[in-house]
Amino acid sequence: MKEKFAPTIVLGAICLIAALLLAATYQVTAPQIEKIAIENANAARYEVMPEADGFEKVDCEMIEGVTEVFKATNDAGIVITSAAKGFGGDIVVMTAIDPNGNIEKVKVTDCSTETAGLGSKTADAAYTDQYTGAATITSGEGEGTVINPISGATYSSKGVFNAVSAALEQYAQIGGAQ
């Protein structure tokens, strides 16, 4: 009897100890991971809107695709984080909009699910700079600044385009820079 149950008890004890150690490690590291994530998000906000002296979260009803809305404390504008489906998954974009409703800068903060060397080019300034200064954007149909997709990466380009469009829509919904 001892030969049958002893290995099971030992293996169960090892699993229990490993699970407890993993849970303890998570409890210790979770606050630090959250702090680093907040610091990285703030650094990205300052990158797209360097004239801001700080940011405060805007409490509003968010449209589909928008995850965060932050207003510069010195009224330099609003930074909106949004996501849209690209080729491999969601592309996360941070869009800075000045008080006049013009795009100040677009930064792709996560395109890790896109094809390396192709879809990841949507994060390059050569693509994102097309959005700068635009108040409305179009893919060629309708009025607004025409945004040209990256050849061979149309799904990824469309993902960034849709994320920026959602940011502009959110900006309009909250009444601009308020």
C-alpha atoms as a PDB file:
ATOM      1  CA  MET A   1       0.000   0.000   0.000  1.00  0.00           C
ATOM      2  CA  LYS A   2       2.828   2.355   0.931  1.00  0.00           C
ATOM      3  CA  GLU A   3       4.478   1.772  -2.457  1.00  0.00           C
ATOM      4  CA  LYS A   4       1.315   2.883  -4.298  1.00  0.00           C
ATOM      5  CA  PHE A   5       0.456   6.032  -2.347  1.00  0.00           C
ATOM      6  CA  ALA A   6       3.885   7.382  -1.306  1.00  0.00           C
ATOM      7  CA  PRO A   7       4.855   8.659  -4.804  1.00  0.00           C
ATOM      8  CA  THR A   8       1.419  10.262  -5.213  1.00  0.00           C
ATOM      9  CA  ILE A   9       1.669  12.061  -1.876  1.00  0.00           C
ATOM     10  CA  VAL A  10       5.224  13.251  -2.598  1.00  0.00           C
ATOM     11  CA  LEU A  11       4.251  14.476  -6.075  1.00  0.00           C
ATOM     12  CA  GLY A  12       1.179  16.251  -4.666  1.00  0.00           C
ATOM     13  CA  ALA A  13       3.309  17.955  -2.008  1.00  0.00           C
ATOM     14  CA  ILE A  14       5.832  19.109  -4.630  1.00  0.00           C
ATOM     15  CA  CYS A  15       3.007  20.548  -6.781  1.00  0.00           C
ATOM     16  CA  LEU A  16       1.483  22.321  -3.785  1.00  0.00           C
ATOM     17  CA  ILE A  17       4.826  23.873  -2.781  1.00  0.00           C
ATOM     18  CA  ALA A  18       5.522  24.957  -6.372  1.00  0.00           C
ATOM     19  CA  ALA A  19       2.065  26.552  -6.657  1.00  0.00           C
ATOM     20  CA  LEU A  20       2.517  28.408  -3.357  1.00  0.00           C
ATOM     21  CA  LEU A  21       5.940  29.705  -4.431  1.00  0.00           C
ATOM     22  CA  LEU A  22       4.533  30.847  -7.777  1.00  0.00           C
ATOM     23  CA  ALA A  23       1.636  32.659  -6.059  1.00  0.00           C
ATOM     24  CA  ALA A  24       4.050  34.349  -3.625  1.00  0.00           C
ATOM     25  CA  THR A  25       6.293  35.453  -6.497  1.00  0.00           C
ATOM     26  CA  TYR A  26       3.296  36.945  -8.298  1.00  0.00           C
ATOM     27  CA  GLN A  27       2.200  38.837  -5.172  1.00  0.00           C
ATOM     28  CA  VAL A  28       5.677  40.325  -4.786  1.00  0.00           C
ATOM     29  CA  THR A  29       6.212  41.264  -8.444  1.00  0.00           C
ATOM     30  CA  ALA A  30       2.686  42.372  -9.496  1.00  0.00           C
ATOM     31  CA  PRO A  31       2.913  45.903  -8.016  1.00  0.00           C
ATOM     32  CA  GLN A  32       6.305  46.461  -9.626  1.00  0.00           C
ATOM     33  CA  ILE A  33       5.051  45.219 -13.007  1.00  0.00           C
ATOM     34  CA  GLU A  34       2.026  47.529 -12.776  1.00  0.00           C
ATOM     35  CA  LYS A  35       4.262  50.481 -11.835  1.00  0.00           C
ATOM     36  CA  ILE A  36       6.523  49.840 -14.836  1.00  0.00           C
ATOM     37  CA  ALA A  37       3.516  49.553 -17.169  1.00  0.00           C
ATOM     38  CA  ILE A  38       2.202  52.926 -15.944  1.00  0.00           C
ATOM     39  CA  GLU A  39       5.638  54.523 -16.363  1.00  0.00           C
ATOM     40  CA  ASN A  40       5.922  53.150 -19.917  1.00  0.00           C
ATOM     41  CA  ALA A  41       2.432  54.433 -20.815  1.00  0.00           C
ATOM     42  CA  ASN A  42       3.263  57.880 -19.418  1.00  0.00           C
ATOM     43  CA  ALA A  43       6.549  57.942 -21.341  1.00  0.00           C
ATOM     44  CA  ALA A  44       4.665  57.114 -24.550  1.00  0.00           C
ATOM     45  CA  ARG A  45       2.140  59.891 -23.809  1.00  0.00           C
ATOM     46  CA  TYR A  46       4.981  62.402 -23.367  1.00  0.00           C
ATOM     47  CA  GLU A  47       6.509  61.132 -26.594  1.00  0.00           C
ATOM     48  CA  VAL A  48       3.364  61.884 -28.618  1.00  0.00           C
ATOM     49  CA  MET A  49       2.640  65.140 -26.751  1.00  0.00           C
ATOM     50  CA  PRO A  50       5.948  66.509 -25.416  1.00  0.00           C
ATOM     51  CA  GLU A  51       4.532  69.963 -24.592  1.00  0.00           C
ATOM     52  CA  ALA A  52       2.230  68.473 -21.933  1.00  0.00           C
ATOM     53  CA  ASP A  53       3.252  69.038 -18.337  1.00  0.00           C
ATOM     54  CA  GLY A  54       1.217  66.086 -17.052  1.00  0.00           C
ATOM     55  CA  PHE A  55      -1.817  63.976 -17.828  1.00  0.00           C
ATOM     56  CA  GLU A  56      -5.107  63.257 -16.116  1.00  0.00           C
ATOM     57  CA  LYS A  57      -7.491  60.480 -17.039  1.00  0.00           C
ATOM     58  CA  VAL A  58     -10.756  61.554 -18.670  1.00  0.00           C
ATOM     59  CA  ASP A  59     -13.800  59.679 -17.435  1.00  0.00           C
ATOM     60  CA  CYS A  60     -16.116  59.255 -20.395  1.00  0.00           C
ATOM     61  CA  GLU A  61     -18.085  56.651 -22.263  1.00  0.00           C
ATOM     62  CA  MET A  62     -15.580  54.999 -24.560  1.00  0.00           C
ATOM     63  CA  ILE A  63     -16.424  53.949 -28.066  1.00  0.00           C
ATOM     64  CA  GLU A  64     -15.454  50.540 -29.407  1.00  0.00           C
ATOM     65  CA  GLY A  65     -11.710  50.193 -29.774  1.00  0.00           C
ATOM     66  CA  VAL A  66     -10.739  53.021 -27.406  1.00  0.00           C
ATOM     67  CA  THR A  67      -9.096  51.921 -24.172  1.00  0.00           C
ATOM     68  CA  GLU A  68      -7.846  55.151 -22.551  1.00  0.00           C
ATOM     69  CA  VAL A  69      -8.372  58.893 -22.813  1.00  0.00           C
ATOM     70  CA  PHE A  70      -5.953  61.283 -21.098  1.00  0.00           C
ATOM     71  CA  LYS A  71      -6.023  65.074 -21.140  1.00  0.00           C
ATOM     72  CA  ALA A  72      -2.884  67.180 -20.794  1.00  0.00           C
ATOM     73  CA  THR A  73      -3.083  69.147 -17.541  1.00  0.00           C
ATOM     74  CA  ASN A  74      -1.869  72.301 -19.329  1.00  0.00           C
ATOM     75  CA  ASP A  75      -4.589  71.967 -22.029  1.00  0.00           C
ATOM     76  CA  ALA A  76      -2.054  71.031 -24.737  1.00  0.00           C
ATOM     77  CA  GLY A  77      -4.490  68.413 -26.027  1.00  0.00           C
ATOM     78  CA  ILE A  78      -5.709  64.881 -25.533  1.00  0.00           C
ATOM     79  CA  VAL A  79      -3.960  61.526 -25.922  1.00  0.00           C
ATOM     80  CA  ILE A  80      -6.201  58.611 -26.839  1.00  0.00           C
ATOM     81  CA  THR A  81      -5.130  54.974 -26.805  1.00  0.00           C
ATOM     82  CA  SER A  82      -7.064  52.697 -29.135  1.00  0.00           C
ATOM     83  CA  ALA A  83      -6.747  49.281 -30.731  1.00  0.00           C
ATOM     84  CA  ALA A  84      -7.983  47.695 -33.931  1.00  0.00           C
ATOM     85  CA  LYS A  85      -7.521  44.361 -35.659  1.00  0.00           C
ATOM     86  CA  GLY A  86      -4.537  44.052 -37.943  1.00  0.00           C
ATOM     87  CA  PHE A  87      -3.321  40.976 -39.779  1.00  0.00           C
ATOM     88  CA  GLY A  88      -2.156  38.970 -36.774  1.00  0.00           C
ATOM     89  CA  GLY A  89      -4.165  40.508 -33.967  1.00  0.00           C
ATOM     90  CA  ASP A  90      -4.838  43.837 -32.311  1.00  0.00           C
ATOM     91  CA  ILE A  91      -2.611  46.819 -33.044  1.00  0.00           C
ATOM     92  CA  VAL A  92      -2.450  49.344 -30.200  1.00  0.00           C
ATOM     93  CA  VAL A  93      -2.079  52.995 -31.183  1.00  0.00           C
ATOM     94  CA  MET A  94      -1.623  56.176 -29.164  1.00  0.00           C
ATOM     95  CA  THR A  95      -2.935  59.319 -30.890  1.00  0.00           C
ATOM     96  CA  ALA A  96      -2.209  62.865 -29.695  1.00  0.00           C
ATOM     97  CA  ILE A  97      -4.803  65.428 -30.756  1.00  0.00           C
ATOM     98  CA  ASP A  98      -4.283  69.155 -30.262  1.00  0.00           C
ATOM     99  CA  PRO A  99      -7.031  71.514 -28.979  1.00  0.00           C
ATOM    100  CA  ASN A 100      -7.985  72.355 -32.581  1.00  0.00           C
ATOM    101  CA  GLY A 101      -8.778  68.713 -33.358  1.00  0.00           C
ATOM    102  CA  ASN A 102      -5.680  68.070 -35.472  1.00  0.00           C
ATOM    103  CA  ILE A 103      -3.565  64.972 -35.016  1.00  0.00           C
ATOM    104  CA  GLU A 104      -0.289  65.962 -33.448  1.00  0.00           C
ATOM    105  CA  LYS A 105       1.379  62.557 -33.552  1.00  0.00           C
ATOM    106  CA  VAL A 106       0.546  58.873 -33.890  1.00  0.00           C
ATOM    107  CA  LYS A 107       2.580  56.160 -32.162  1.00  0.00           C
ATOM    108  CA  VAL A 108       2.042  52.447 -32.614  1.00  0.00           C
ATOM    109  CA  THR A 109       2.714  51.097 -29.133  1.00  0.00           C
ATOM    110  CA  ASP A 110       2.120  47.417 -29.918  1.00  0.00           C
ATOM    111  CA  CYS A 111       2.193  45.631 -33.250  1.00  0.00           C
ATOM    112  CA  SER A 112       3.912  42.515 -31.936  1.00  0.00           C
ATOM    113  CA  THR A 113       1.358  40.189 -33.544  1.00  0.00           C
ATOM    114  CA  GLU A 114       2.017  41.568 -37.023  1.00  0.00           C
ATOM    115  CA  THR A 115       4.387  40.024 -39.565  1.00  0.00           C
ATOM    116  CA  ALA A 116       7.952  41.058 -38.788  1.00  0.00           C
ATOM    117  CA  GLY A 117       9.450  43.271 -41.483  1.00  0.00           C
ATOM    118  CA  LEU A 118       6.104  43.899 -43.164  1.00  0.00           C
ATOM    119  CA  GLY A 119       3.178  44.631 -40.857  1.00  0.00           C
ATOM    120  CA  SER A 120       5.585  45.931 -38.234  1.00  0.00           C
ATOM    121  CA  LYS A 121       6.431  48.781 -40.640  1.00  0.00           C
ATOM    122  CA  THR A 122       3.213  50.439 -39.486  1.00  0.00           C
ATOM    123  CA  ALA A 123       5.175  51.562 -36.413  1.00  0.00           C
ATOM    124  CA  ASP A 124       7.739  53.388 -38.572  1.00  0.00           C
ATOM    125  CA  ALA A 125       7.619  57.180 -38.793  1.00  0.00           C
ATOM    126  CA  ALA A 126       7.474  56.895 -42.592  1.00  0.00           C
ATOM    127  CA  TYR A 127       3.939  55.548 -42.182  1.00  0.00           C
ATOM    128  CA  THR A 128       2.690  57.275 -39.015  1.00  0.00           C
ATOM    129  CA  ASP A 129       3.829  60.749 -40.098  1.00  0.00           C
ATOM    130  CA  GLN A 130       1.072  60.711 -42.745  1.00  0.00           C
ATOM    131  CA  TYR A 131      -1.439  61.306 -39.946  1.00  0.00           C
ATOM    132  CA  THR A 132       0.276  64.410 -38.530  1.00  0.00           C
ATOM    133  CA  GLY A 133      -1.775  67.568 -38.978  1.00  0.00           C
ATOM    134  CA  ALA A 134      -4.921  65.787 -40.145  1.00  0.00           C
ATOM    135  CA  ALA A 135      -8.309  66.552 -38.627  1.00  0.00           C
ATOM    136  CA  THR A 136     -10.073  63.899 -40.711  1.00  0.00           C
ATOM    137  CA  ILE A 137      -8.565  60.907 -42.469  1.00  0.00           C
ATOM    138  CA  THR A 138      -9.612  58.799 -45.417  1.00  0.00           C
ATOM    139  CA  SER A 139      -8.320  55.772 -47.253  1.00  0.00           C
ATOM    140  CA  GLY A 140      -9.120  57.452 -50.564  1.00  0.00           C
ATOM    141  CA  GLU A 141     -12.896  57.588 -50.372  1.00  0.00           C
ATOM    142  CA  GLY A 142     -14.431  60.754 -48.971  1.00  0.00           C
ATOM    143  CA  GLU A 143     -12.939  63.936 -47.635  1.00  0.00           C
ATOM    144  CA  GLY A 144      -9.899  64.221 -45.424  1.00  0.00           C
ATOM    145  CA  THR A 145      -6.206  63.535 -45.481  1.00  0.00           C
ATOM    146  CA  VAL A 146      -5.556  60.466 -47.617  1.00  0.00           C
ATOM    147  CA  ILE A 147      -3.574  57.823 -45.747  1.00  0.00           C
ATOM    148  CA  ASN A 148      -1.684  55.464 -48.044  1.00  0.00           C
ATOM    149  CA  PRO A 149      -1.296  51.877 -46.804  1.00  0.00           C
ATOM    150  CA  ILE A 150       2.019  50.088 -46.728  1.00  0.00           C
ATOM    151  CA  SER A 151       2.346  47.892 -49.794  1.00  0.00           C
ATOM    152  CA  GLY A 152       2.041  44.252 -48.759  1.00  0.00           C
ATOM    153  CA  ALA A 153       0.757  45.166 -45.312  1.00  0.00           C
ATOM    154  CA  THR A 154      -2.737  46.397 -46.067  1.00  0.00           C
ATOM    155  CA  TYR A 155      -4.396  44.600 -43.143  1.00  0.00           C
ATOM    156  CA  SER A 156      -1.877  46.034 -40.692  1.00  0.00           C
ATOM    157  CA  SER A 157      -2.183  49.502 -42.254  1.00  0.00           C
ATOM    158  CA  LYS A 158      -5.965  49.255 -42.011  1.00  0.00           C
ATOM    159  CA  GLY A 159      -5.644  48.295 -38.338  1.00  0.00           C
ATOM    160  CA  VAL A 160      -3.674  51.464 -37.563  1.00  0.00           C
ATOM    161  CA  PHE A 161      -6.061  53.523 -39.713  1.00  0.00           C
ATOM    162  CA  ASN A 162      -9.082  52.131 -37.839  1.00  0.00           C
ATOM    163  CA  ALA A 163      -7.443  52.745 -34.444  1.00  0.00           C
ATOM    164  CA  VAL A 164      -6.695  56.378 -35.354  1.00  0.00           C
ATOM    165  CA  SER A 165     -10.234  56.765 -36.742  1.00  0.00           C
ATOM    166  CA  ALA A 166     -11.606  55.509 -33.416  1.00  0.00           C
ATOM    167  CA  ALA A 167      -9.435  58.057 -31.584  1.00  0.00           C
ATOM    168  CA  LEU A 168     -10.767  60.887 -33.765  1.00  0.00           C
ATOM    169  CA  GLU A 169     -14.327  59.682 -33.204  1.00  0.00           C
ATOM    170  CA  GLN A 170     -13.733  59.526 -29.441  1.00  0.00           C
ATOM    171  CA  TYR A 171     -12.285  63.048 -29.508  1.00  0.00           C
ATOM    172  CA  ALA A 172     -15.395  64.330 -31.274  1.00  0.00           C
ATOM    173  CA  GLN A 173     -17.689  62.448 -28.873  1.00  0.00           C
ATOM    174  CA  ILE A 174     -16.167  64.013 -25.769  1.00  0.00           C
ATOM    175  CA  GLY A 175     -16.458  67.465 -27.316  1.00  0.00           C
ATOM    176  CA  GLY A 176     -12.870  68.036 -28.300  1.00  0.00           C
ATOM    177  CA  ALA A 177     -10.288  69.345 -25.918  1.00  0.00           C
ATOM    178  CA  GLN A 178     -13.038  70.491 -23.508  1.00  0.00           C
END
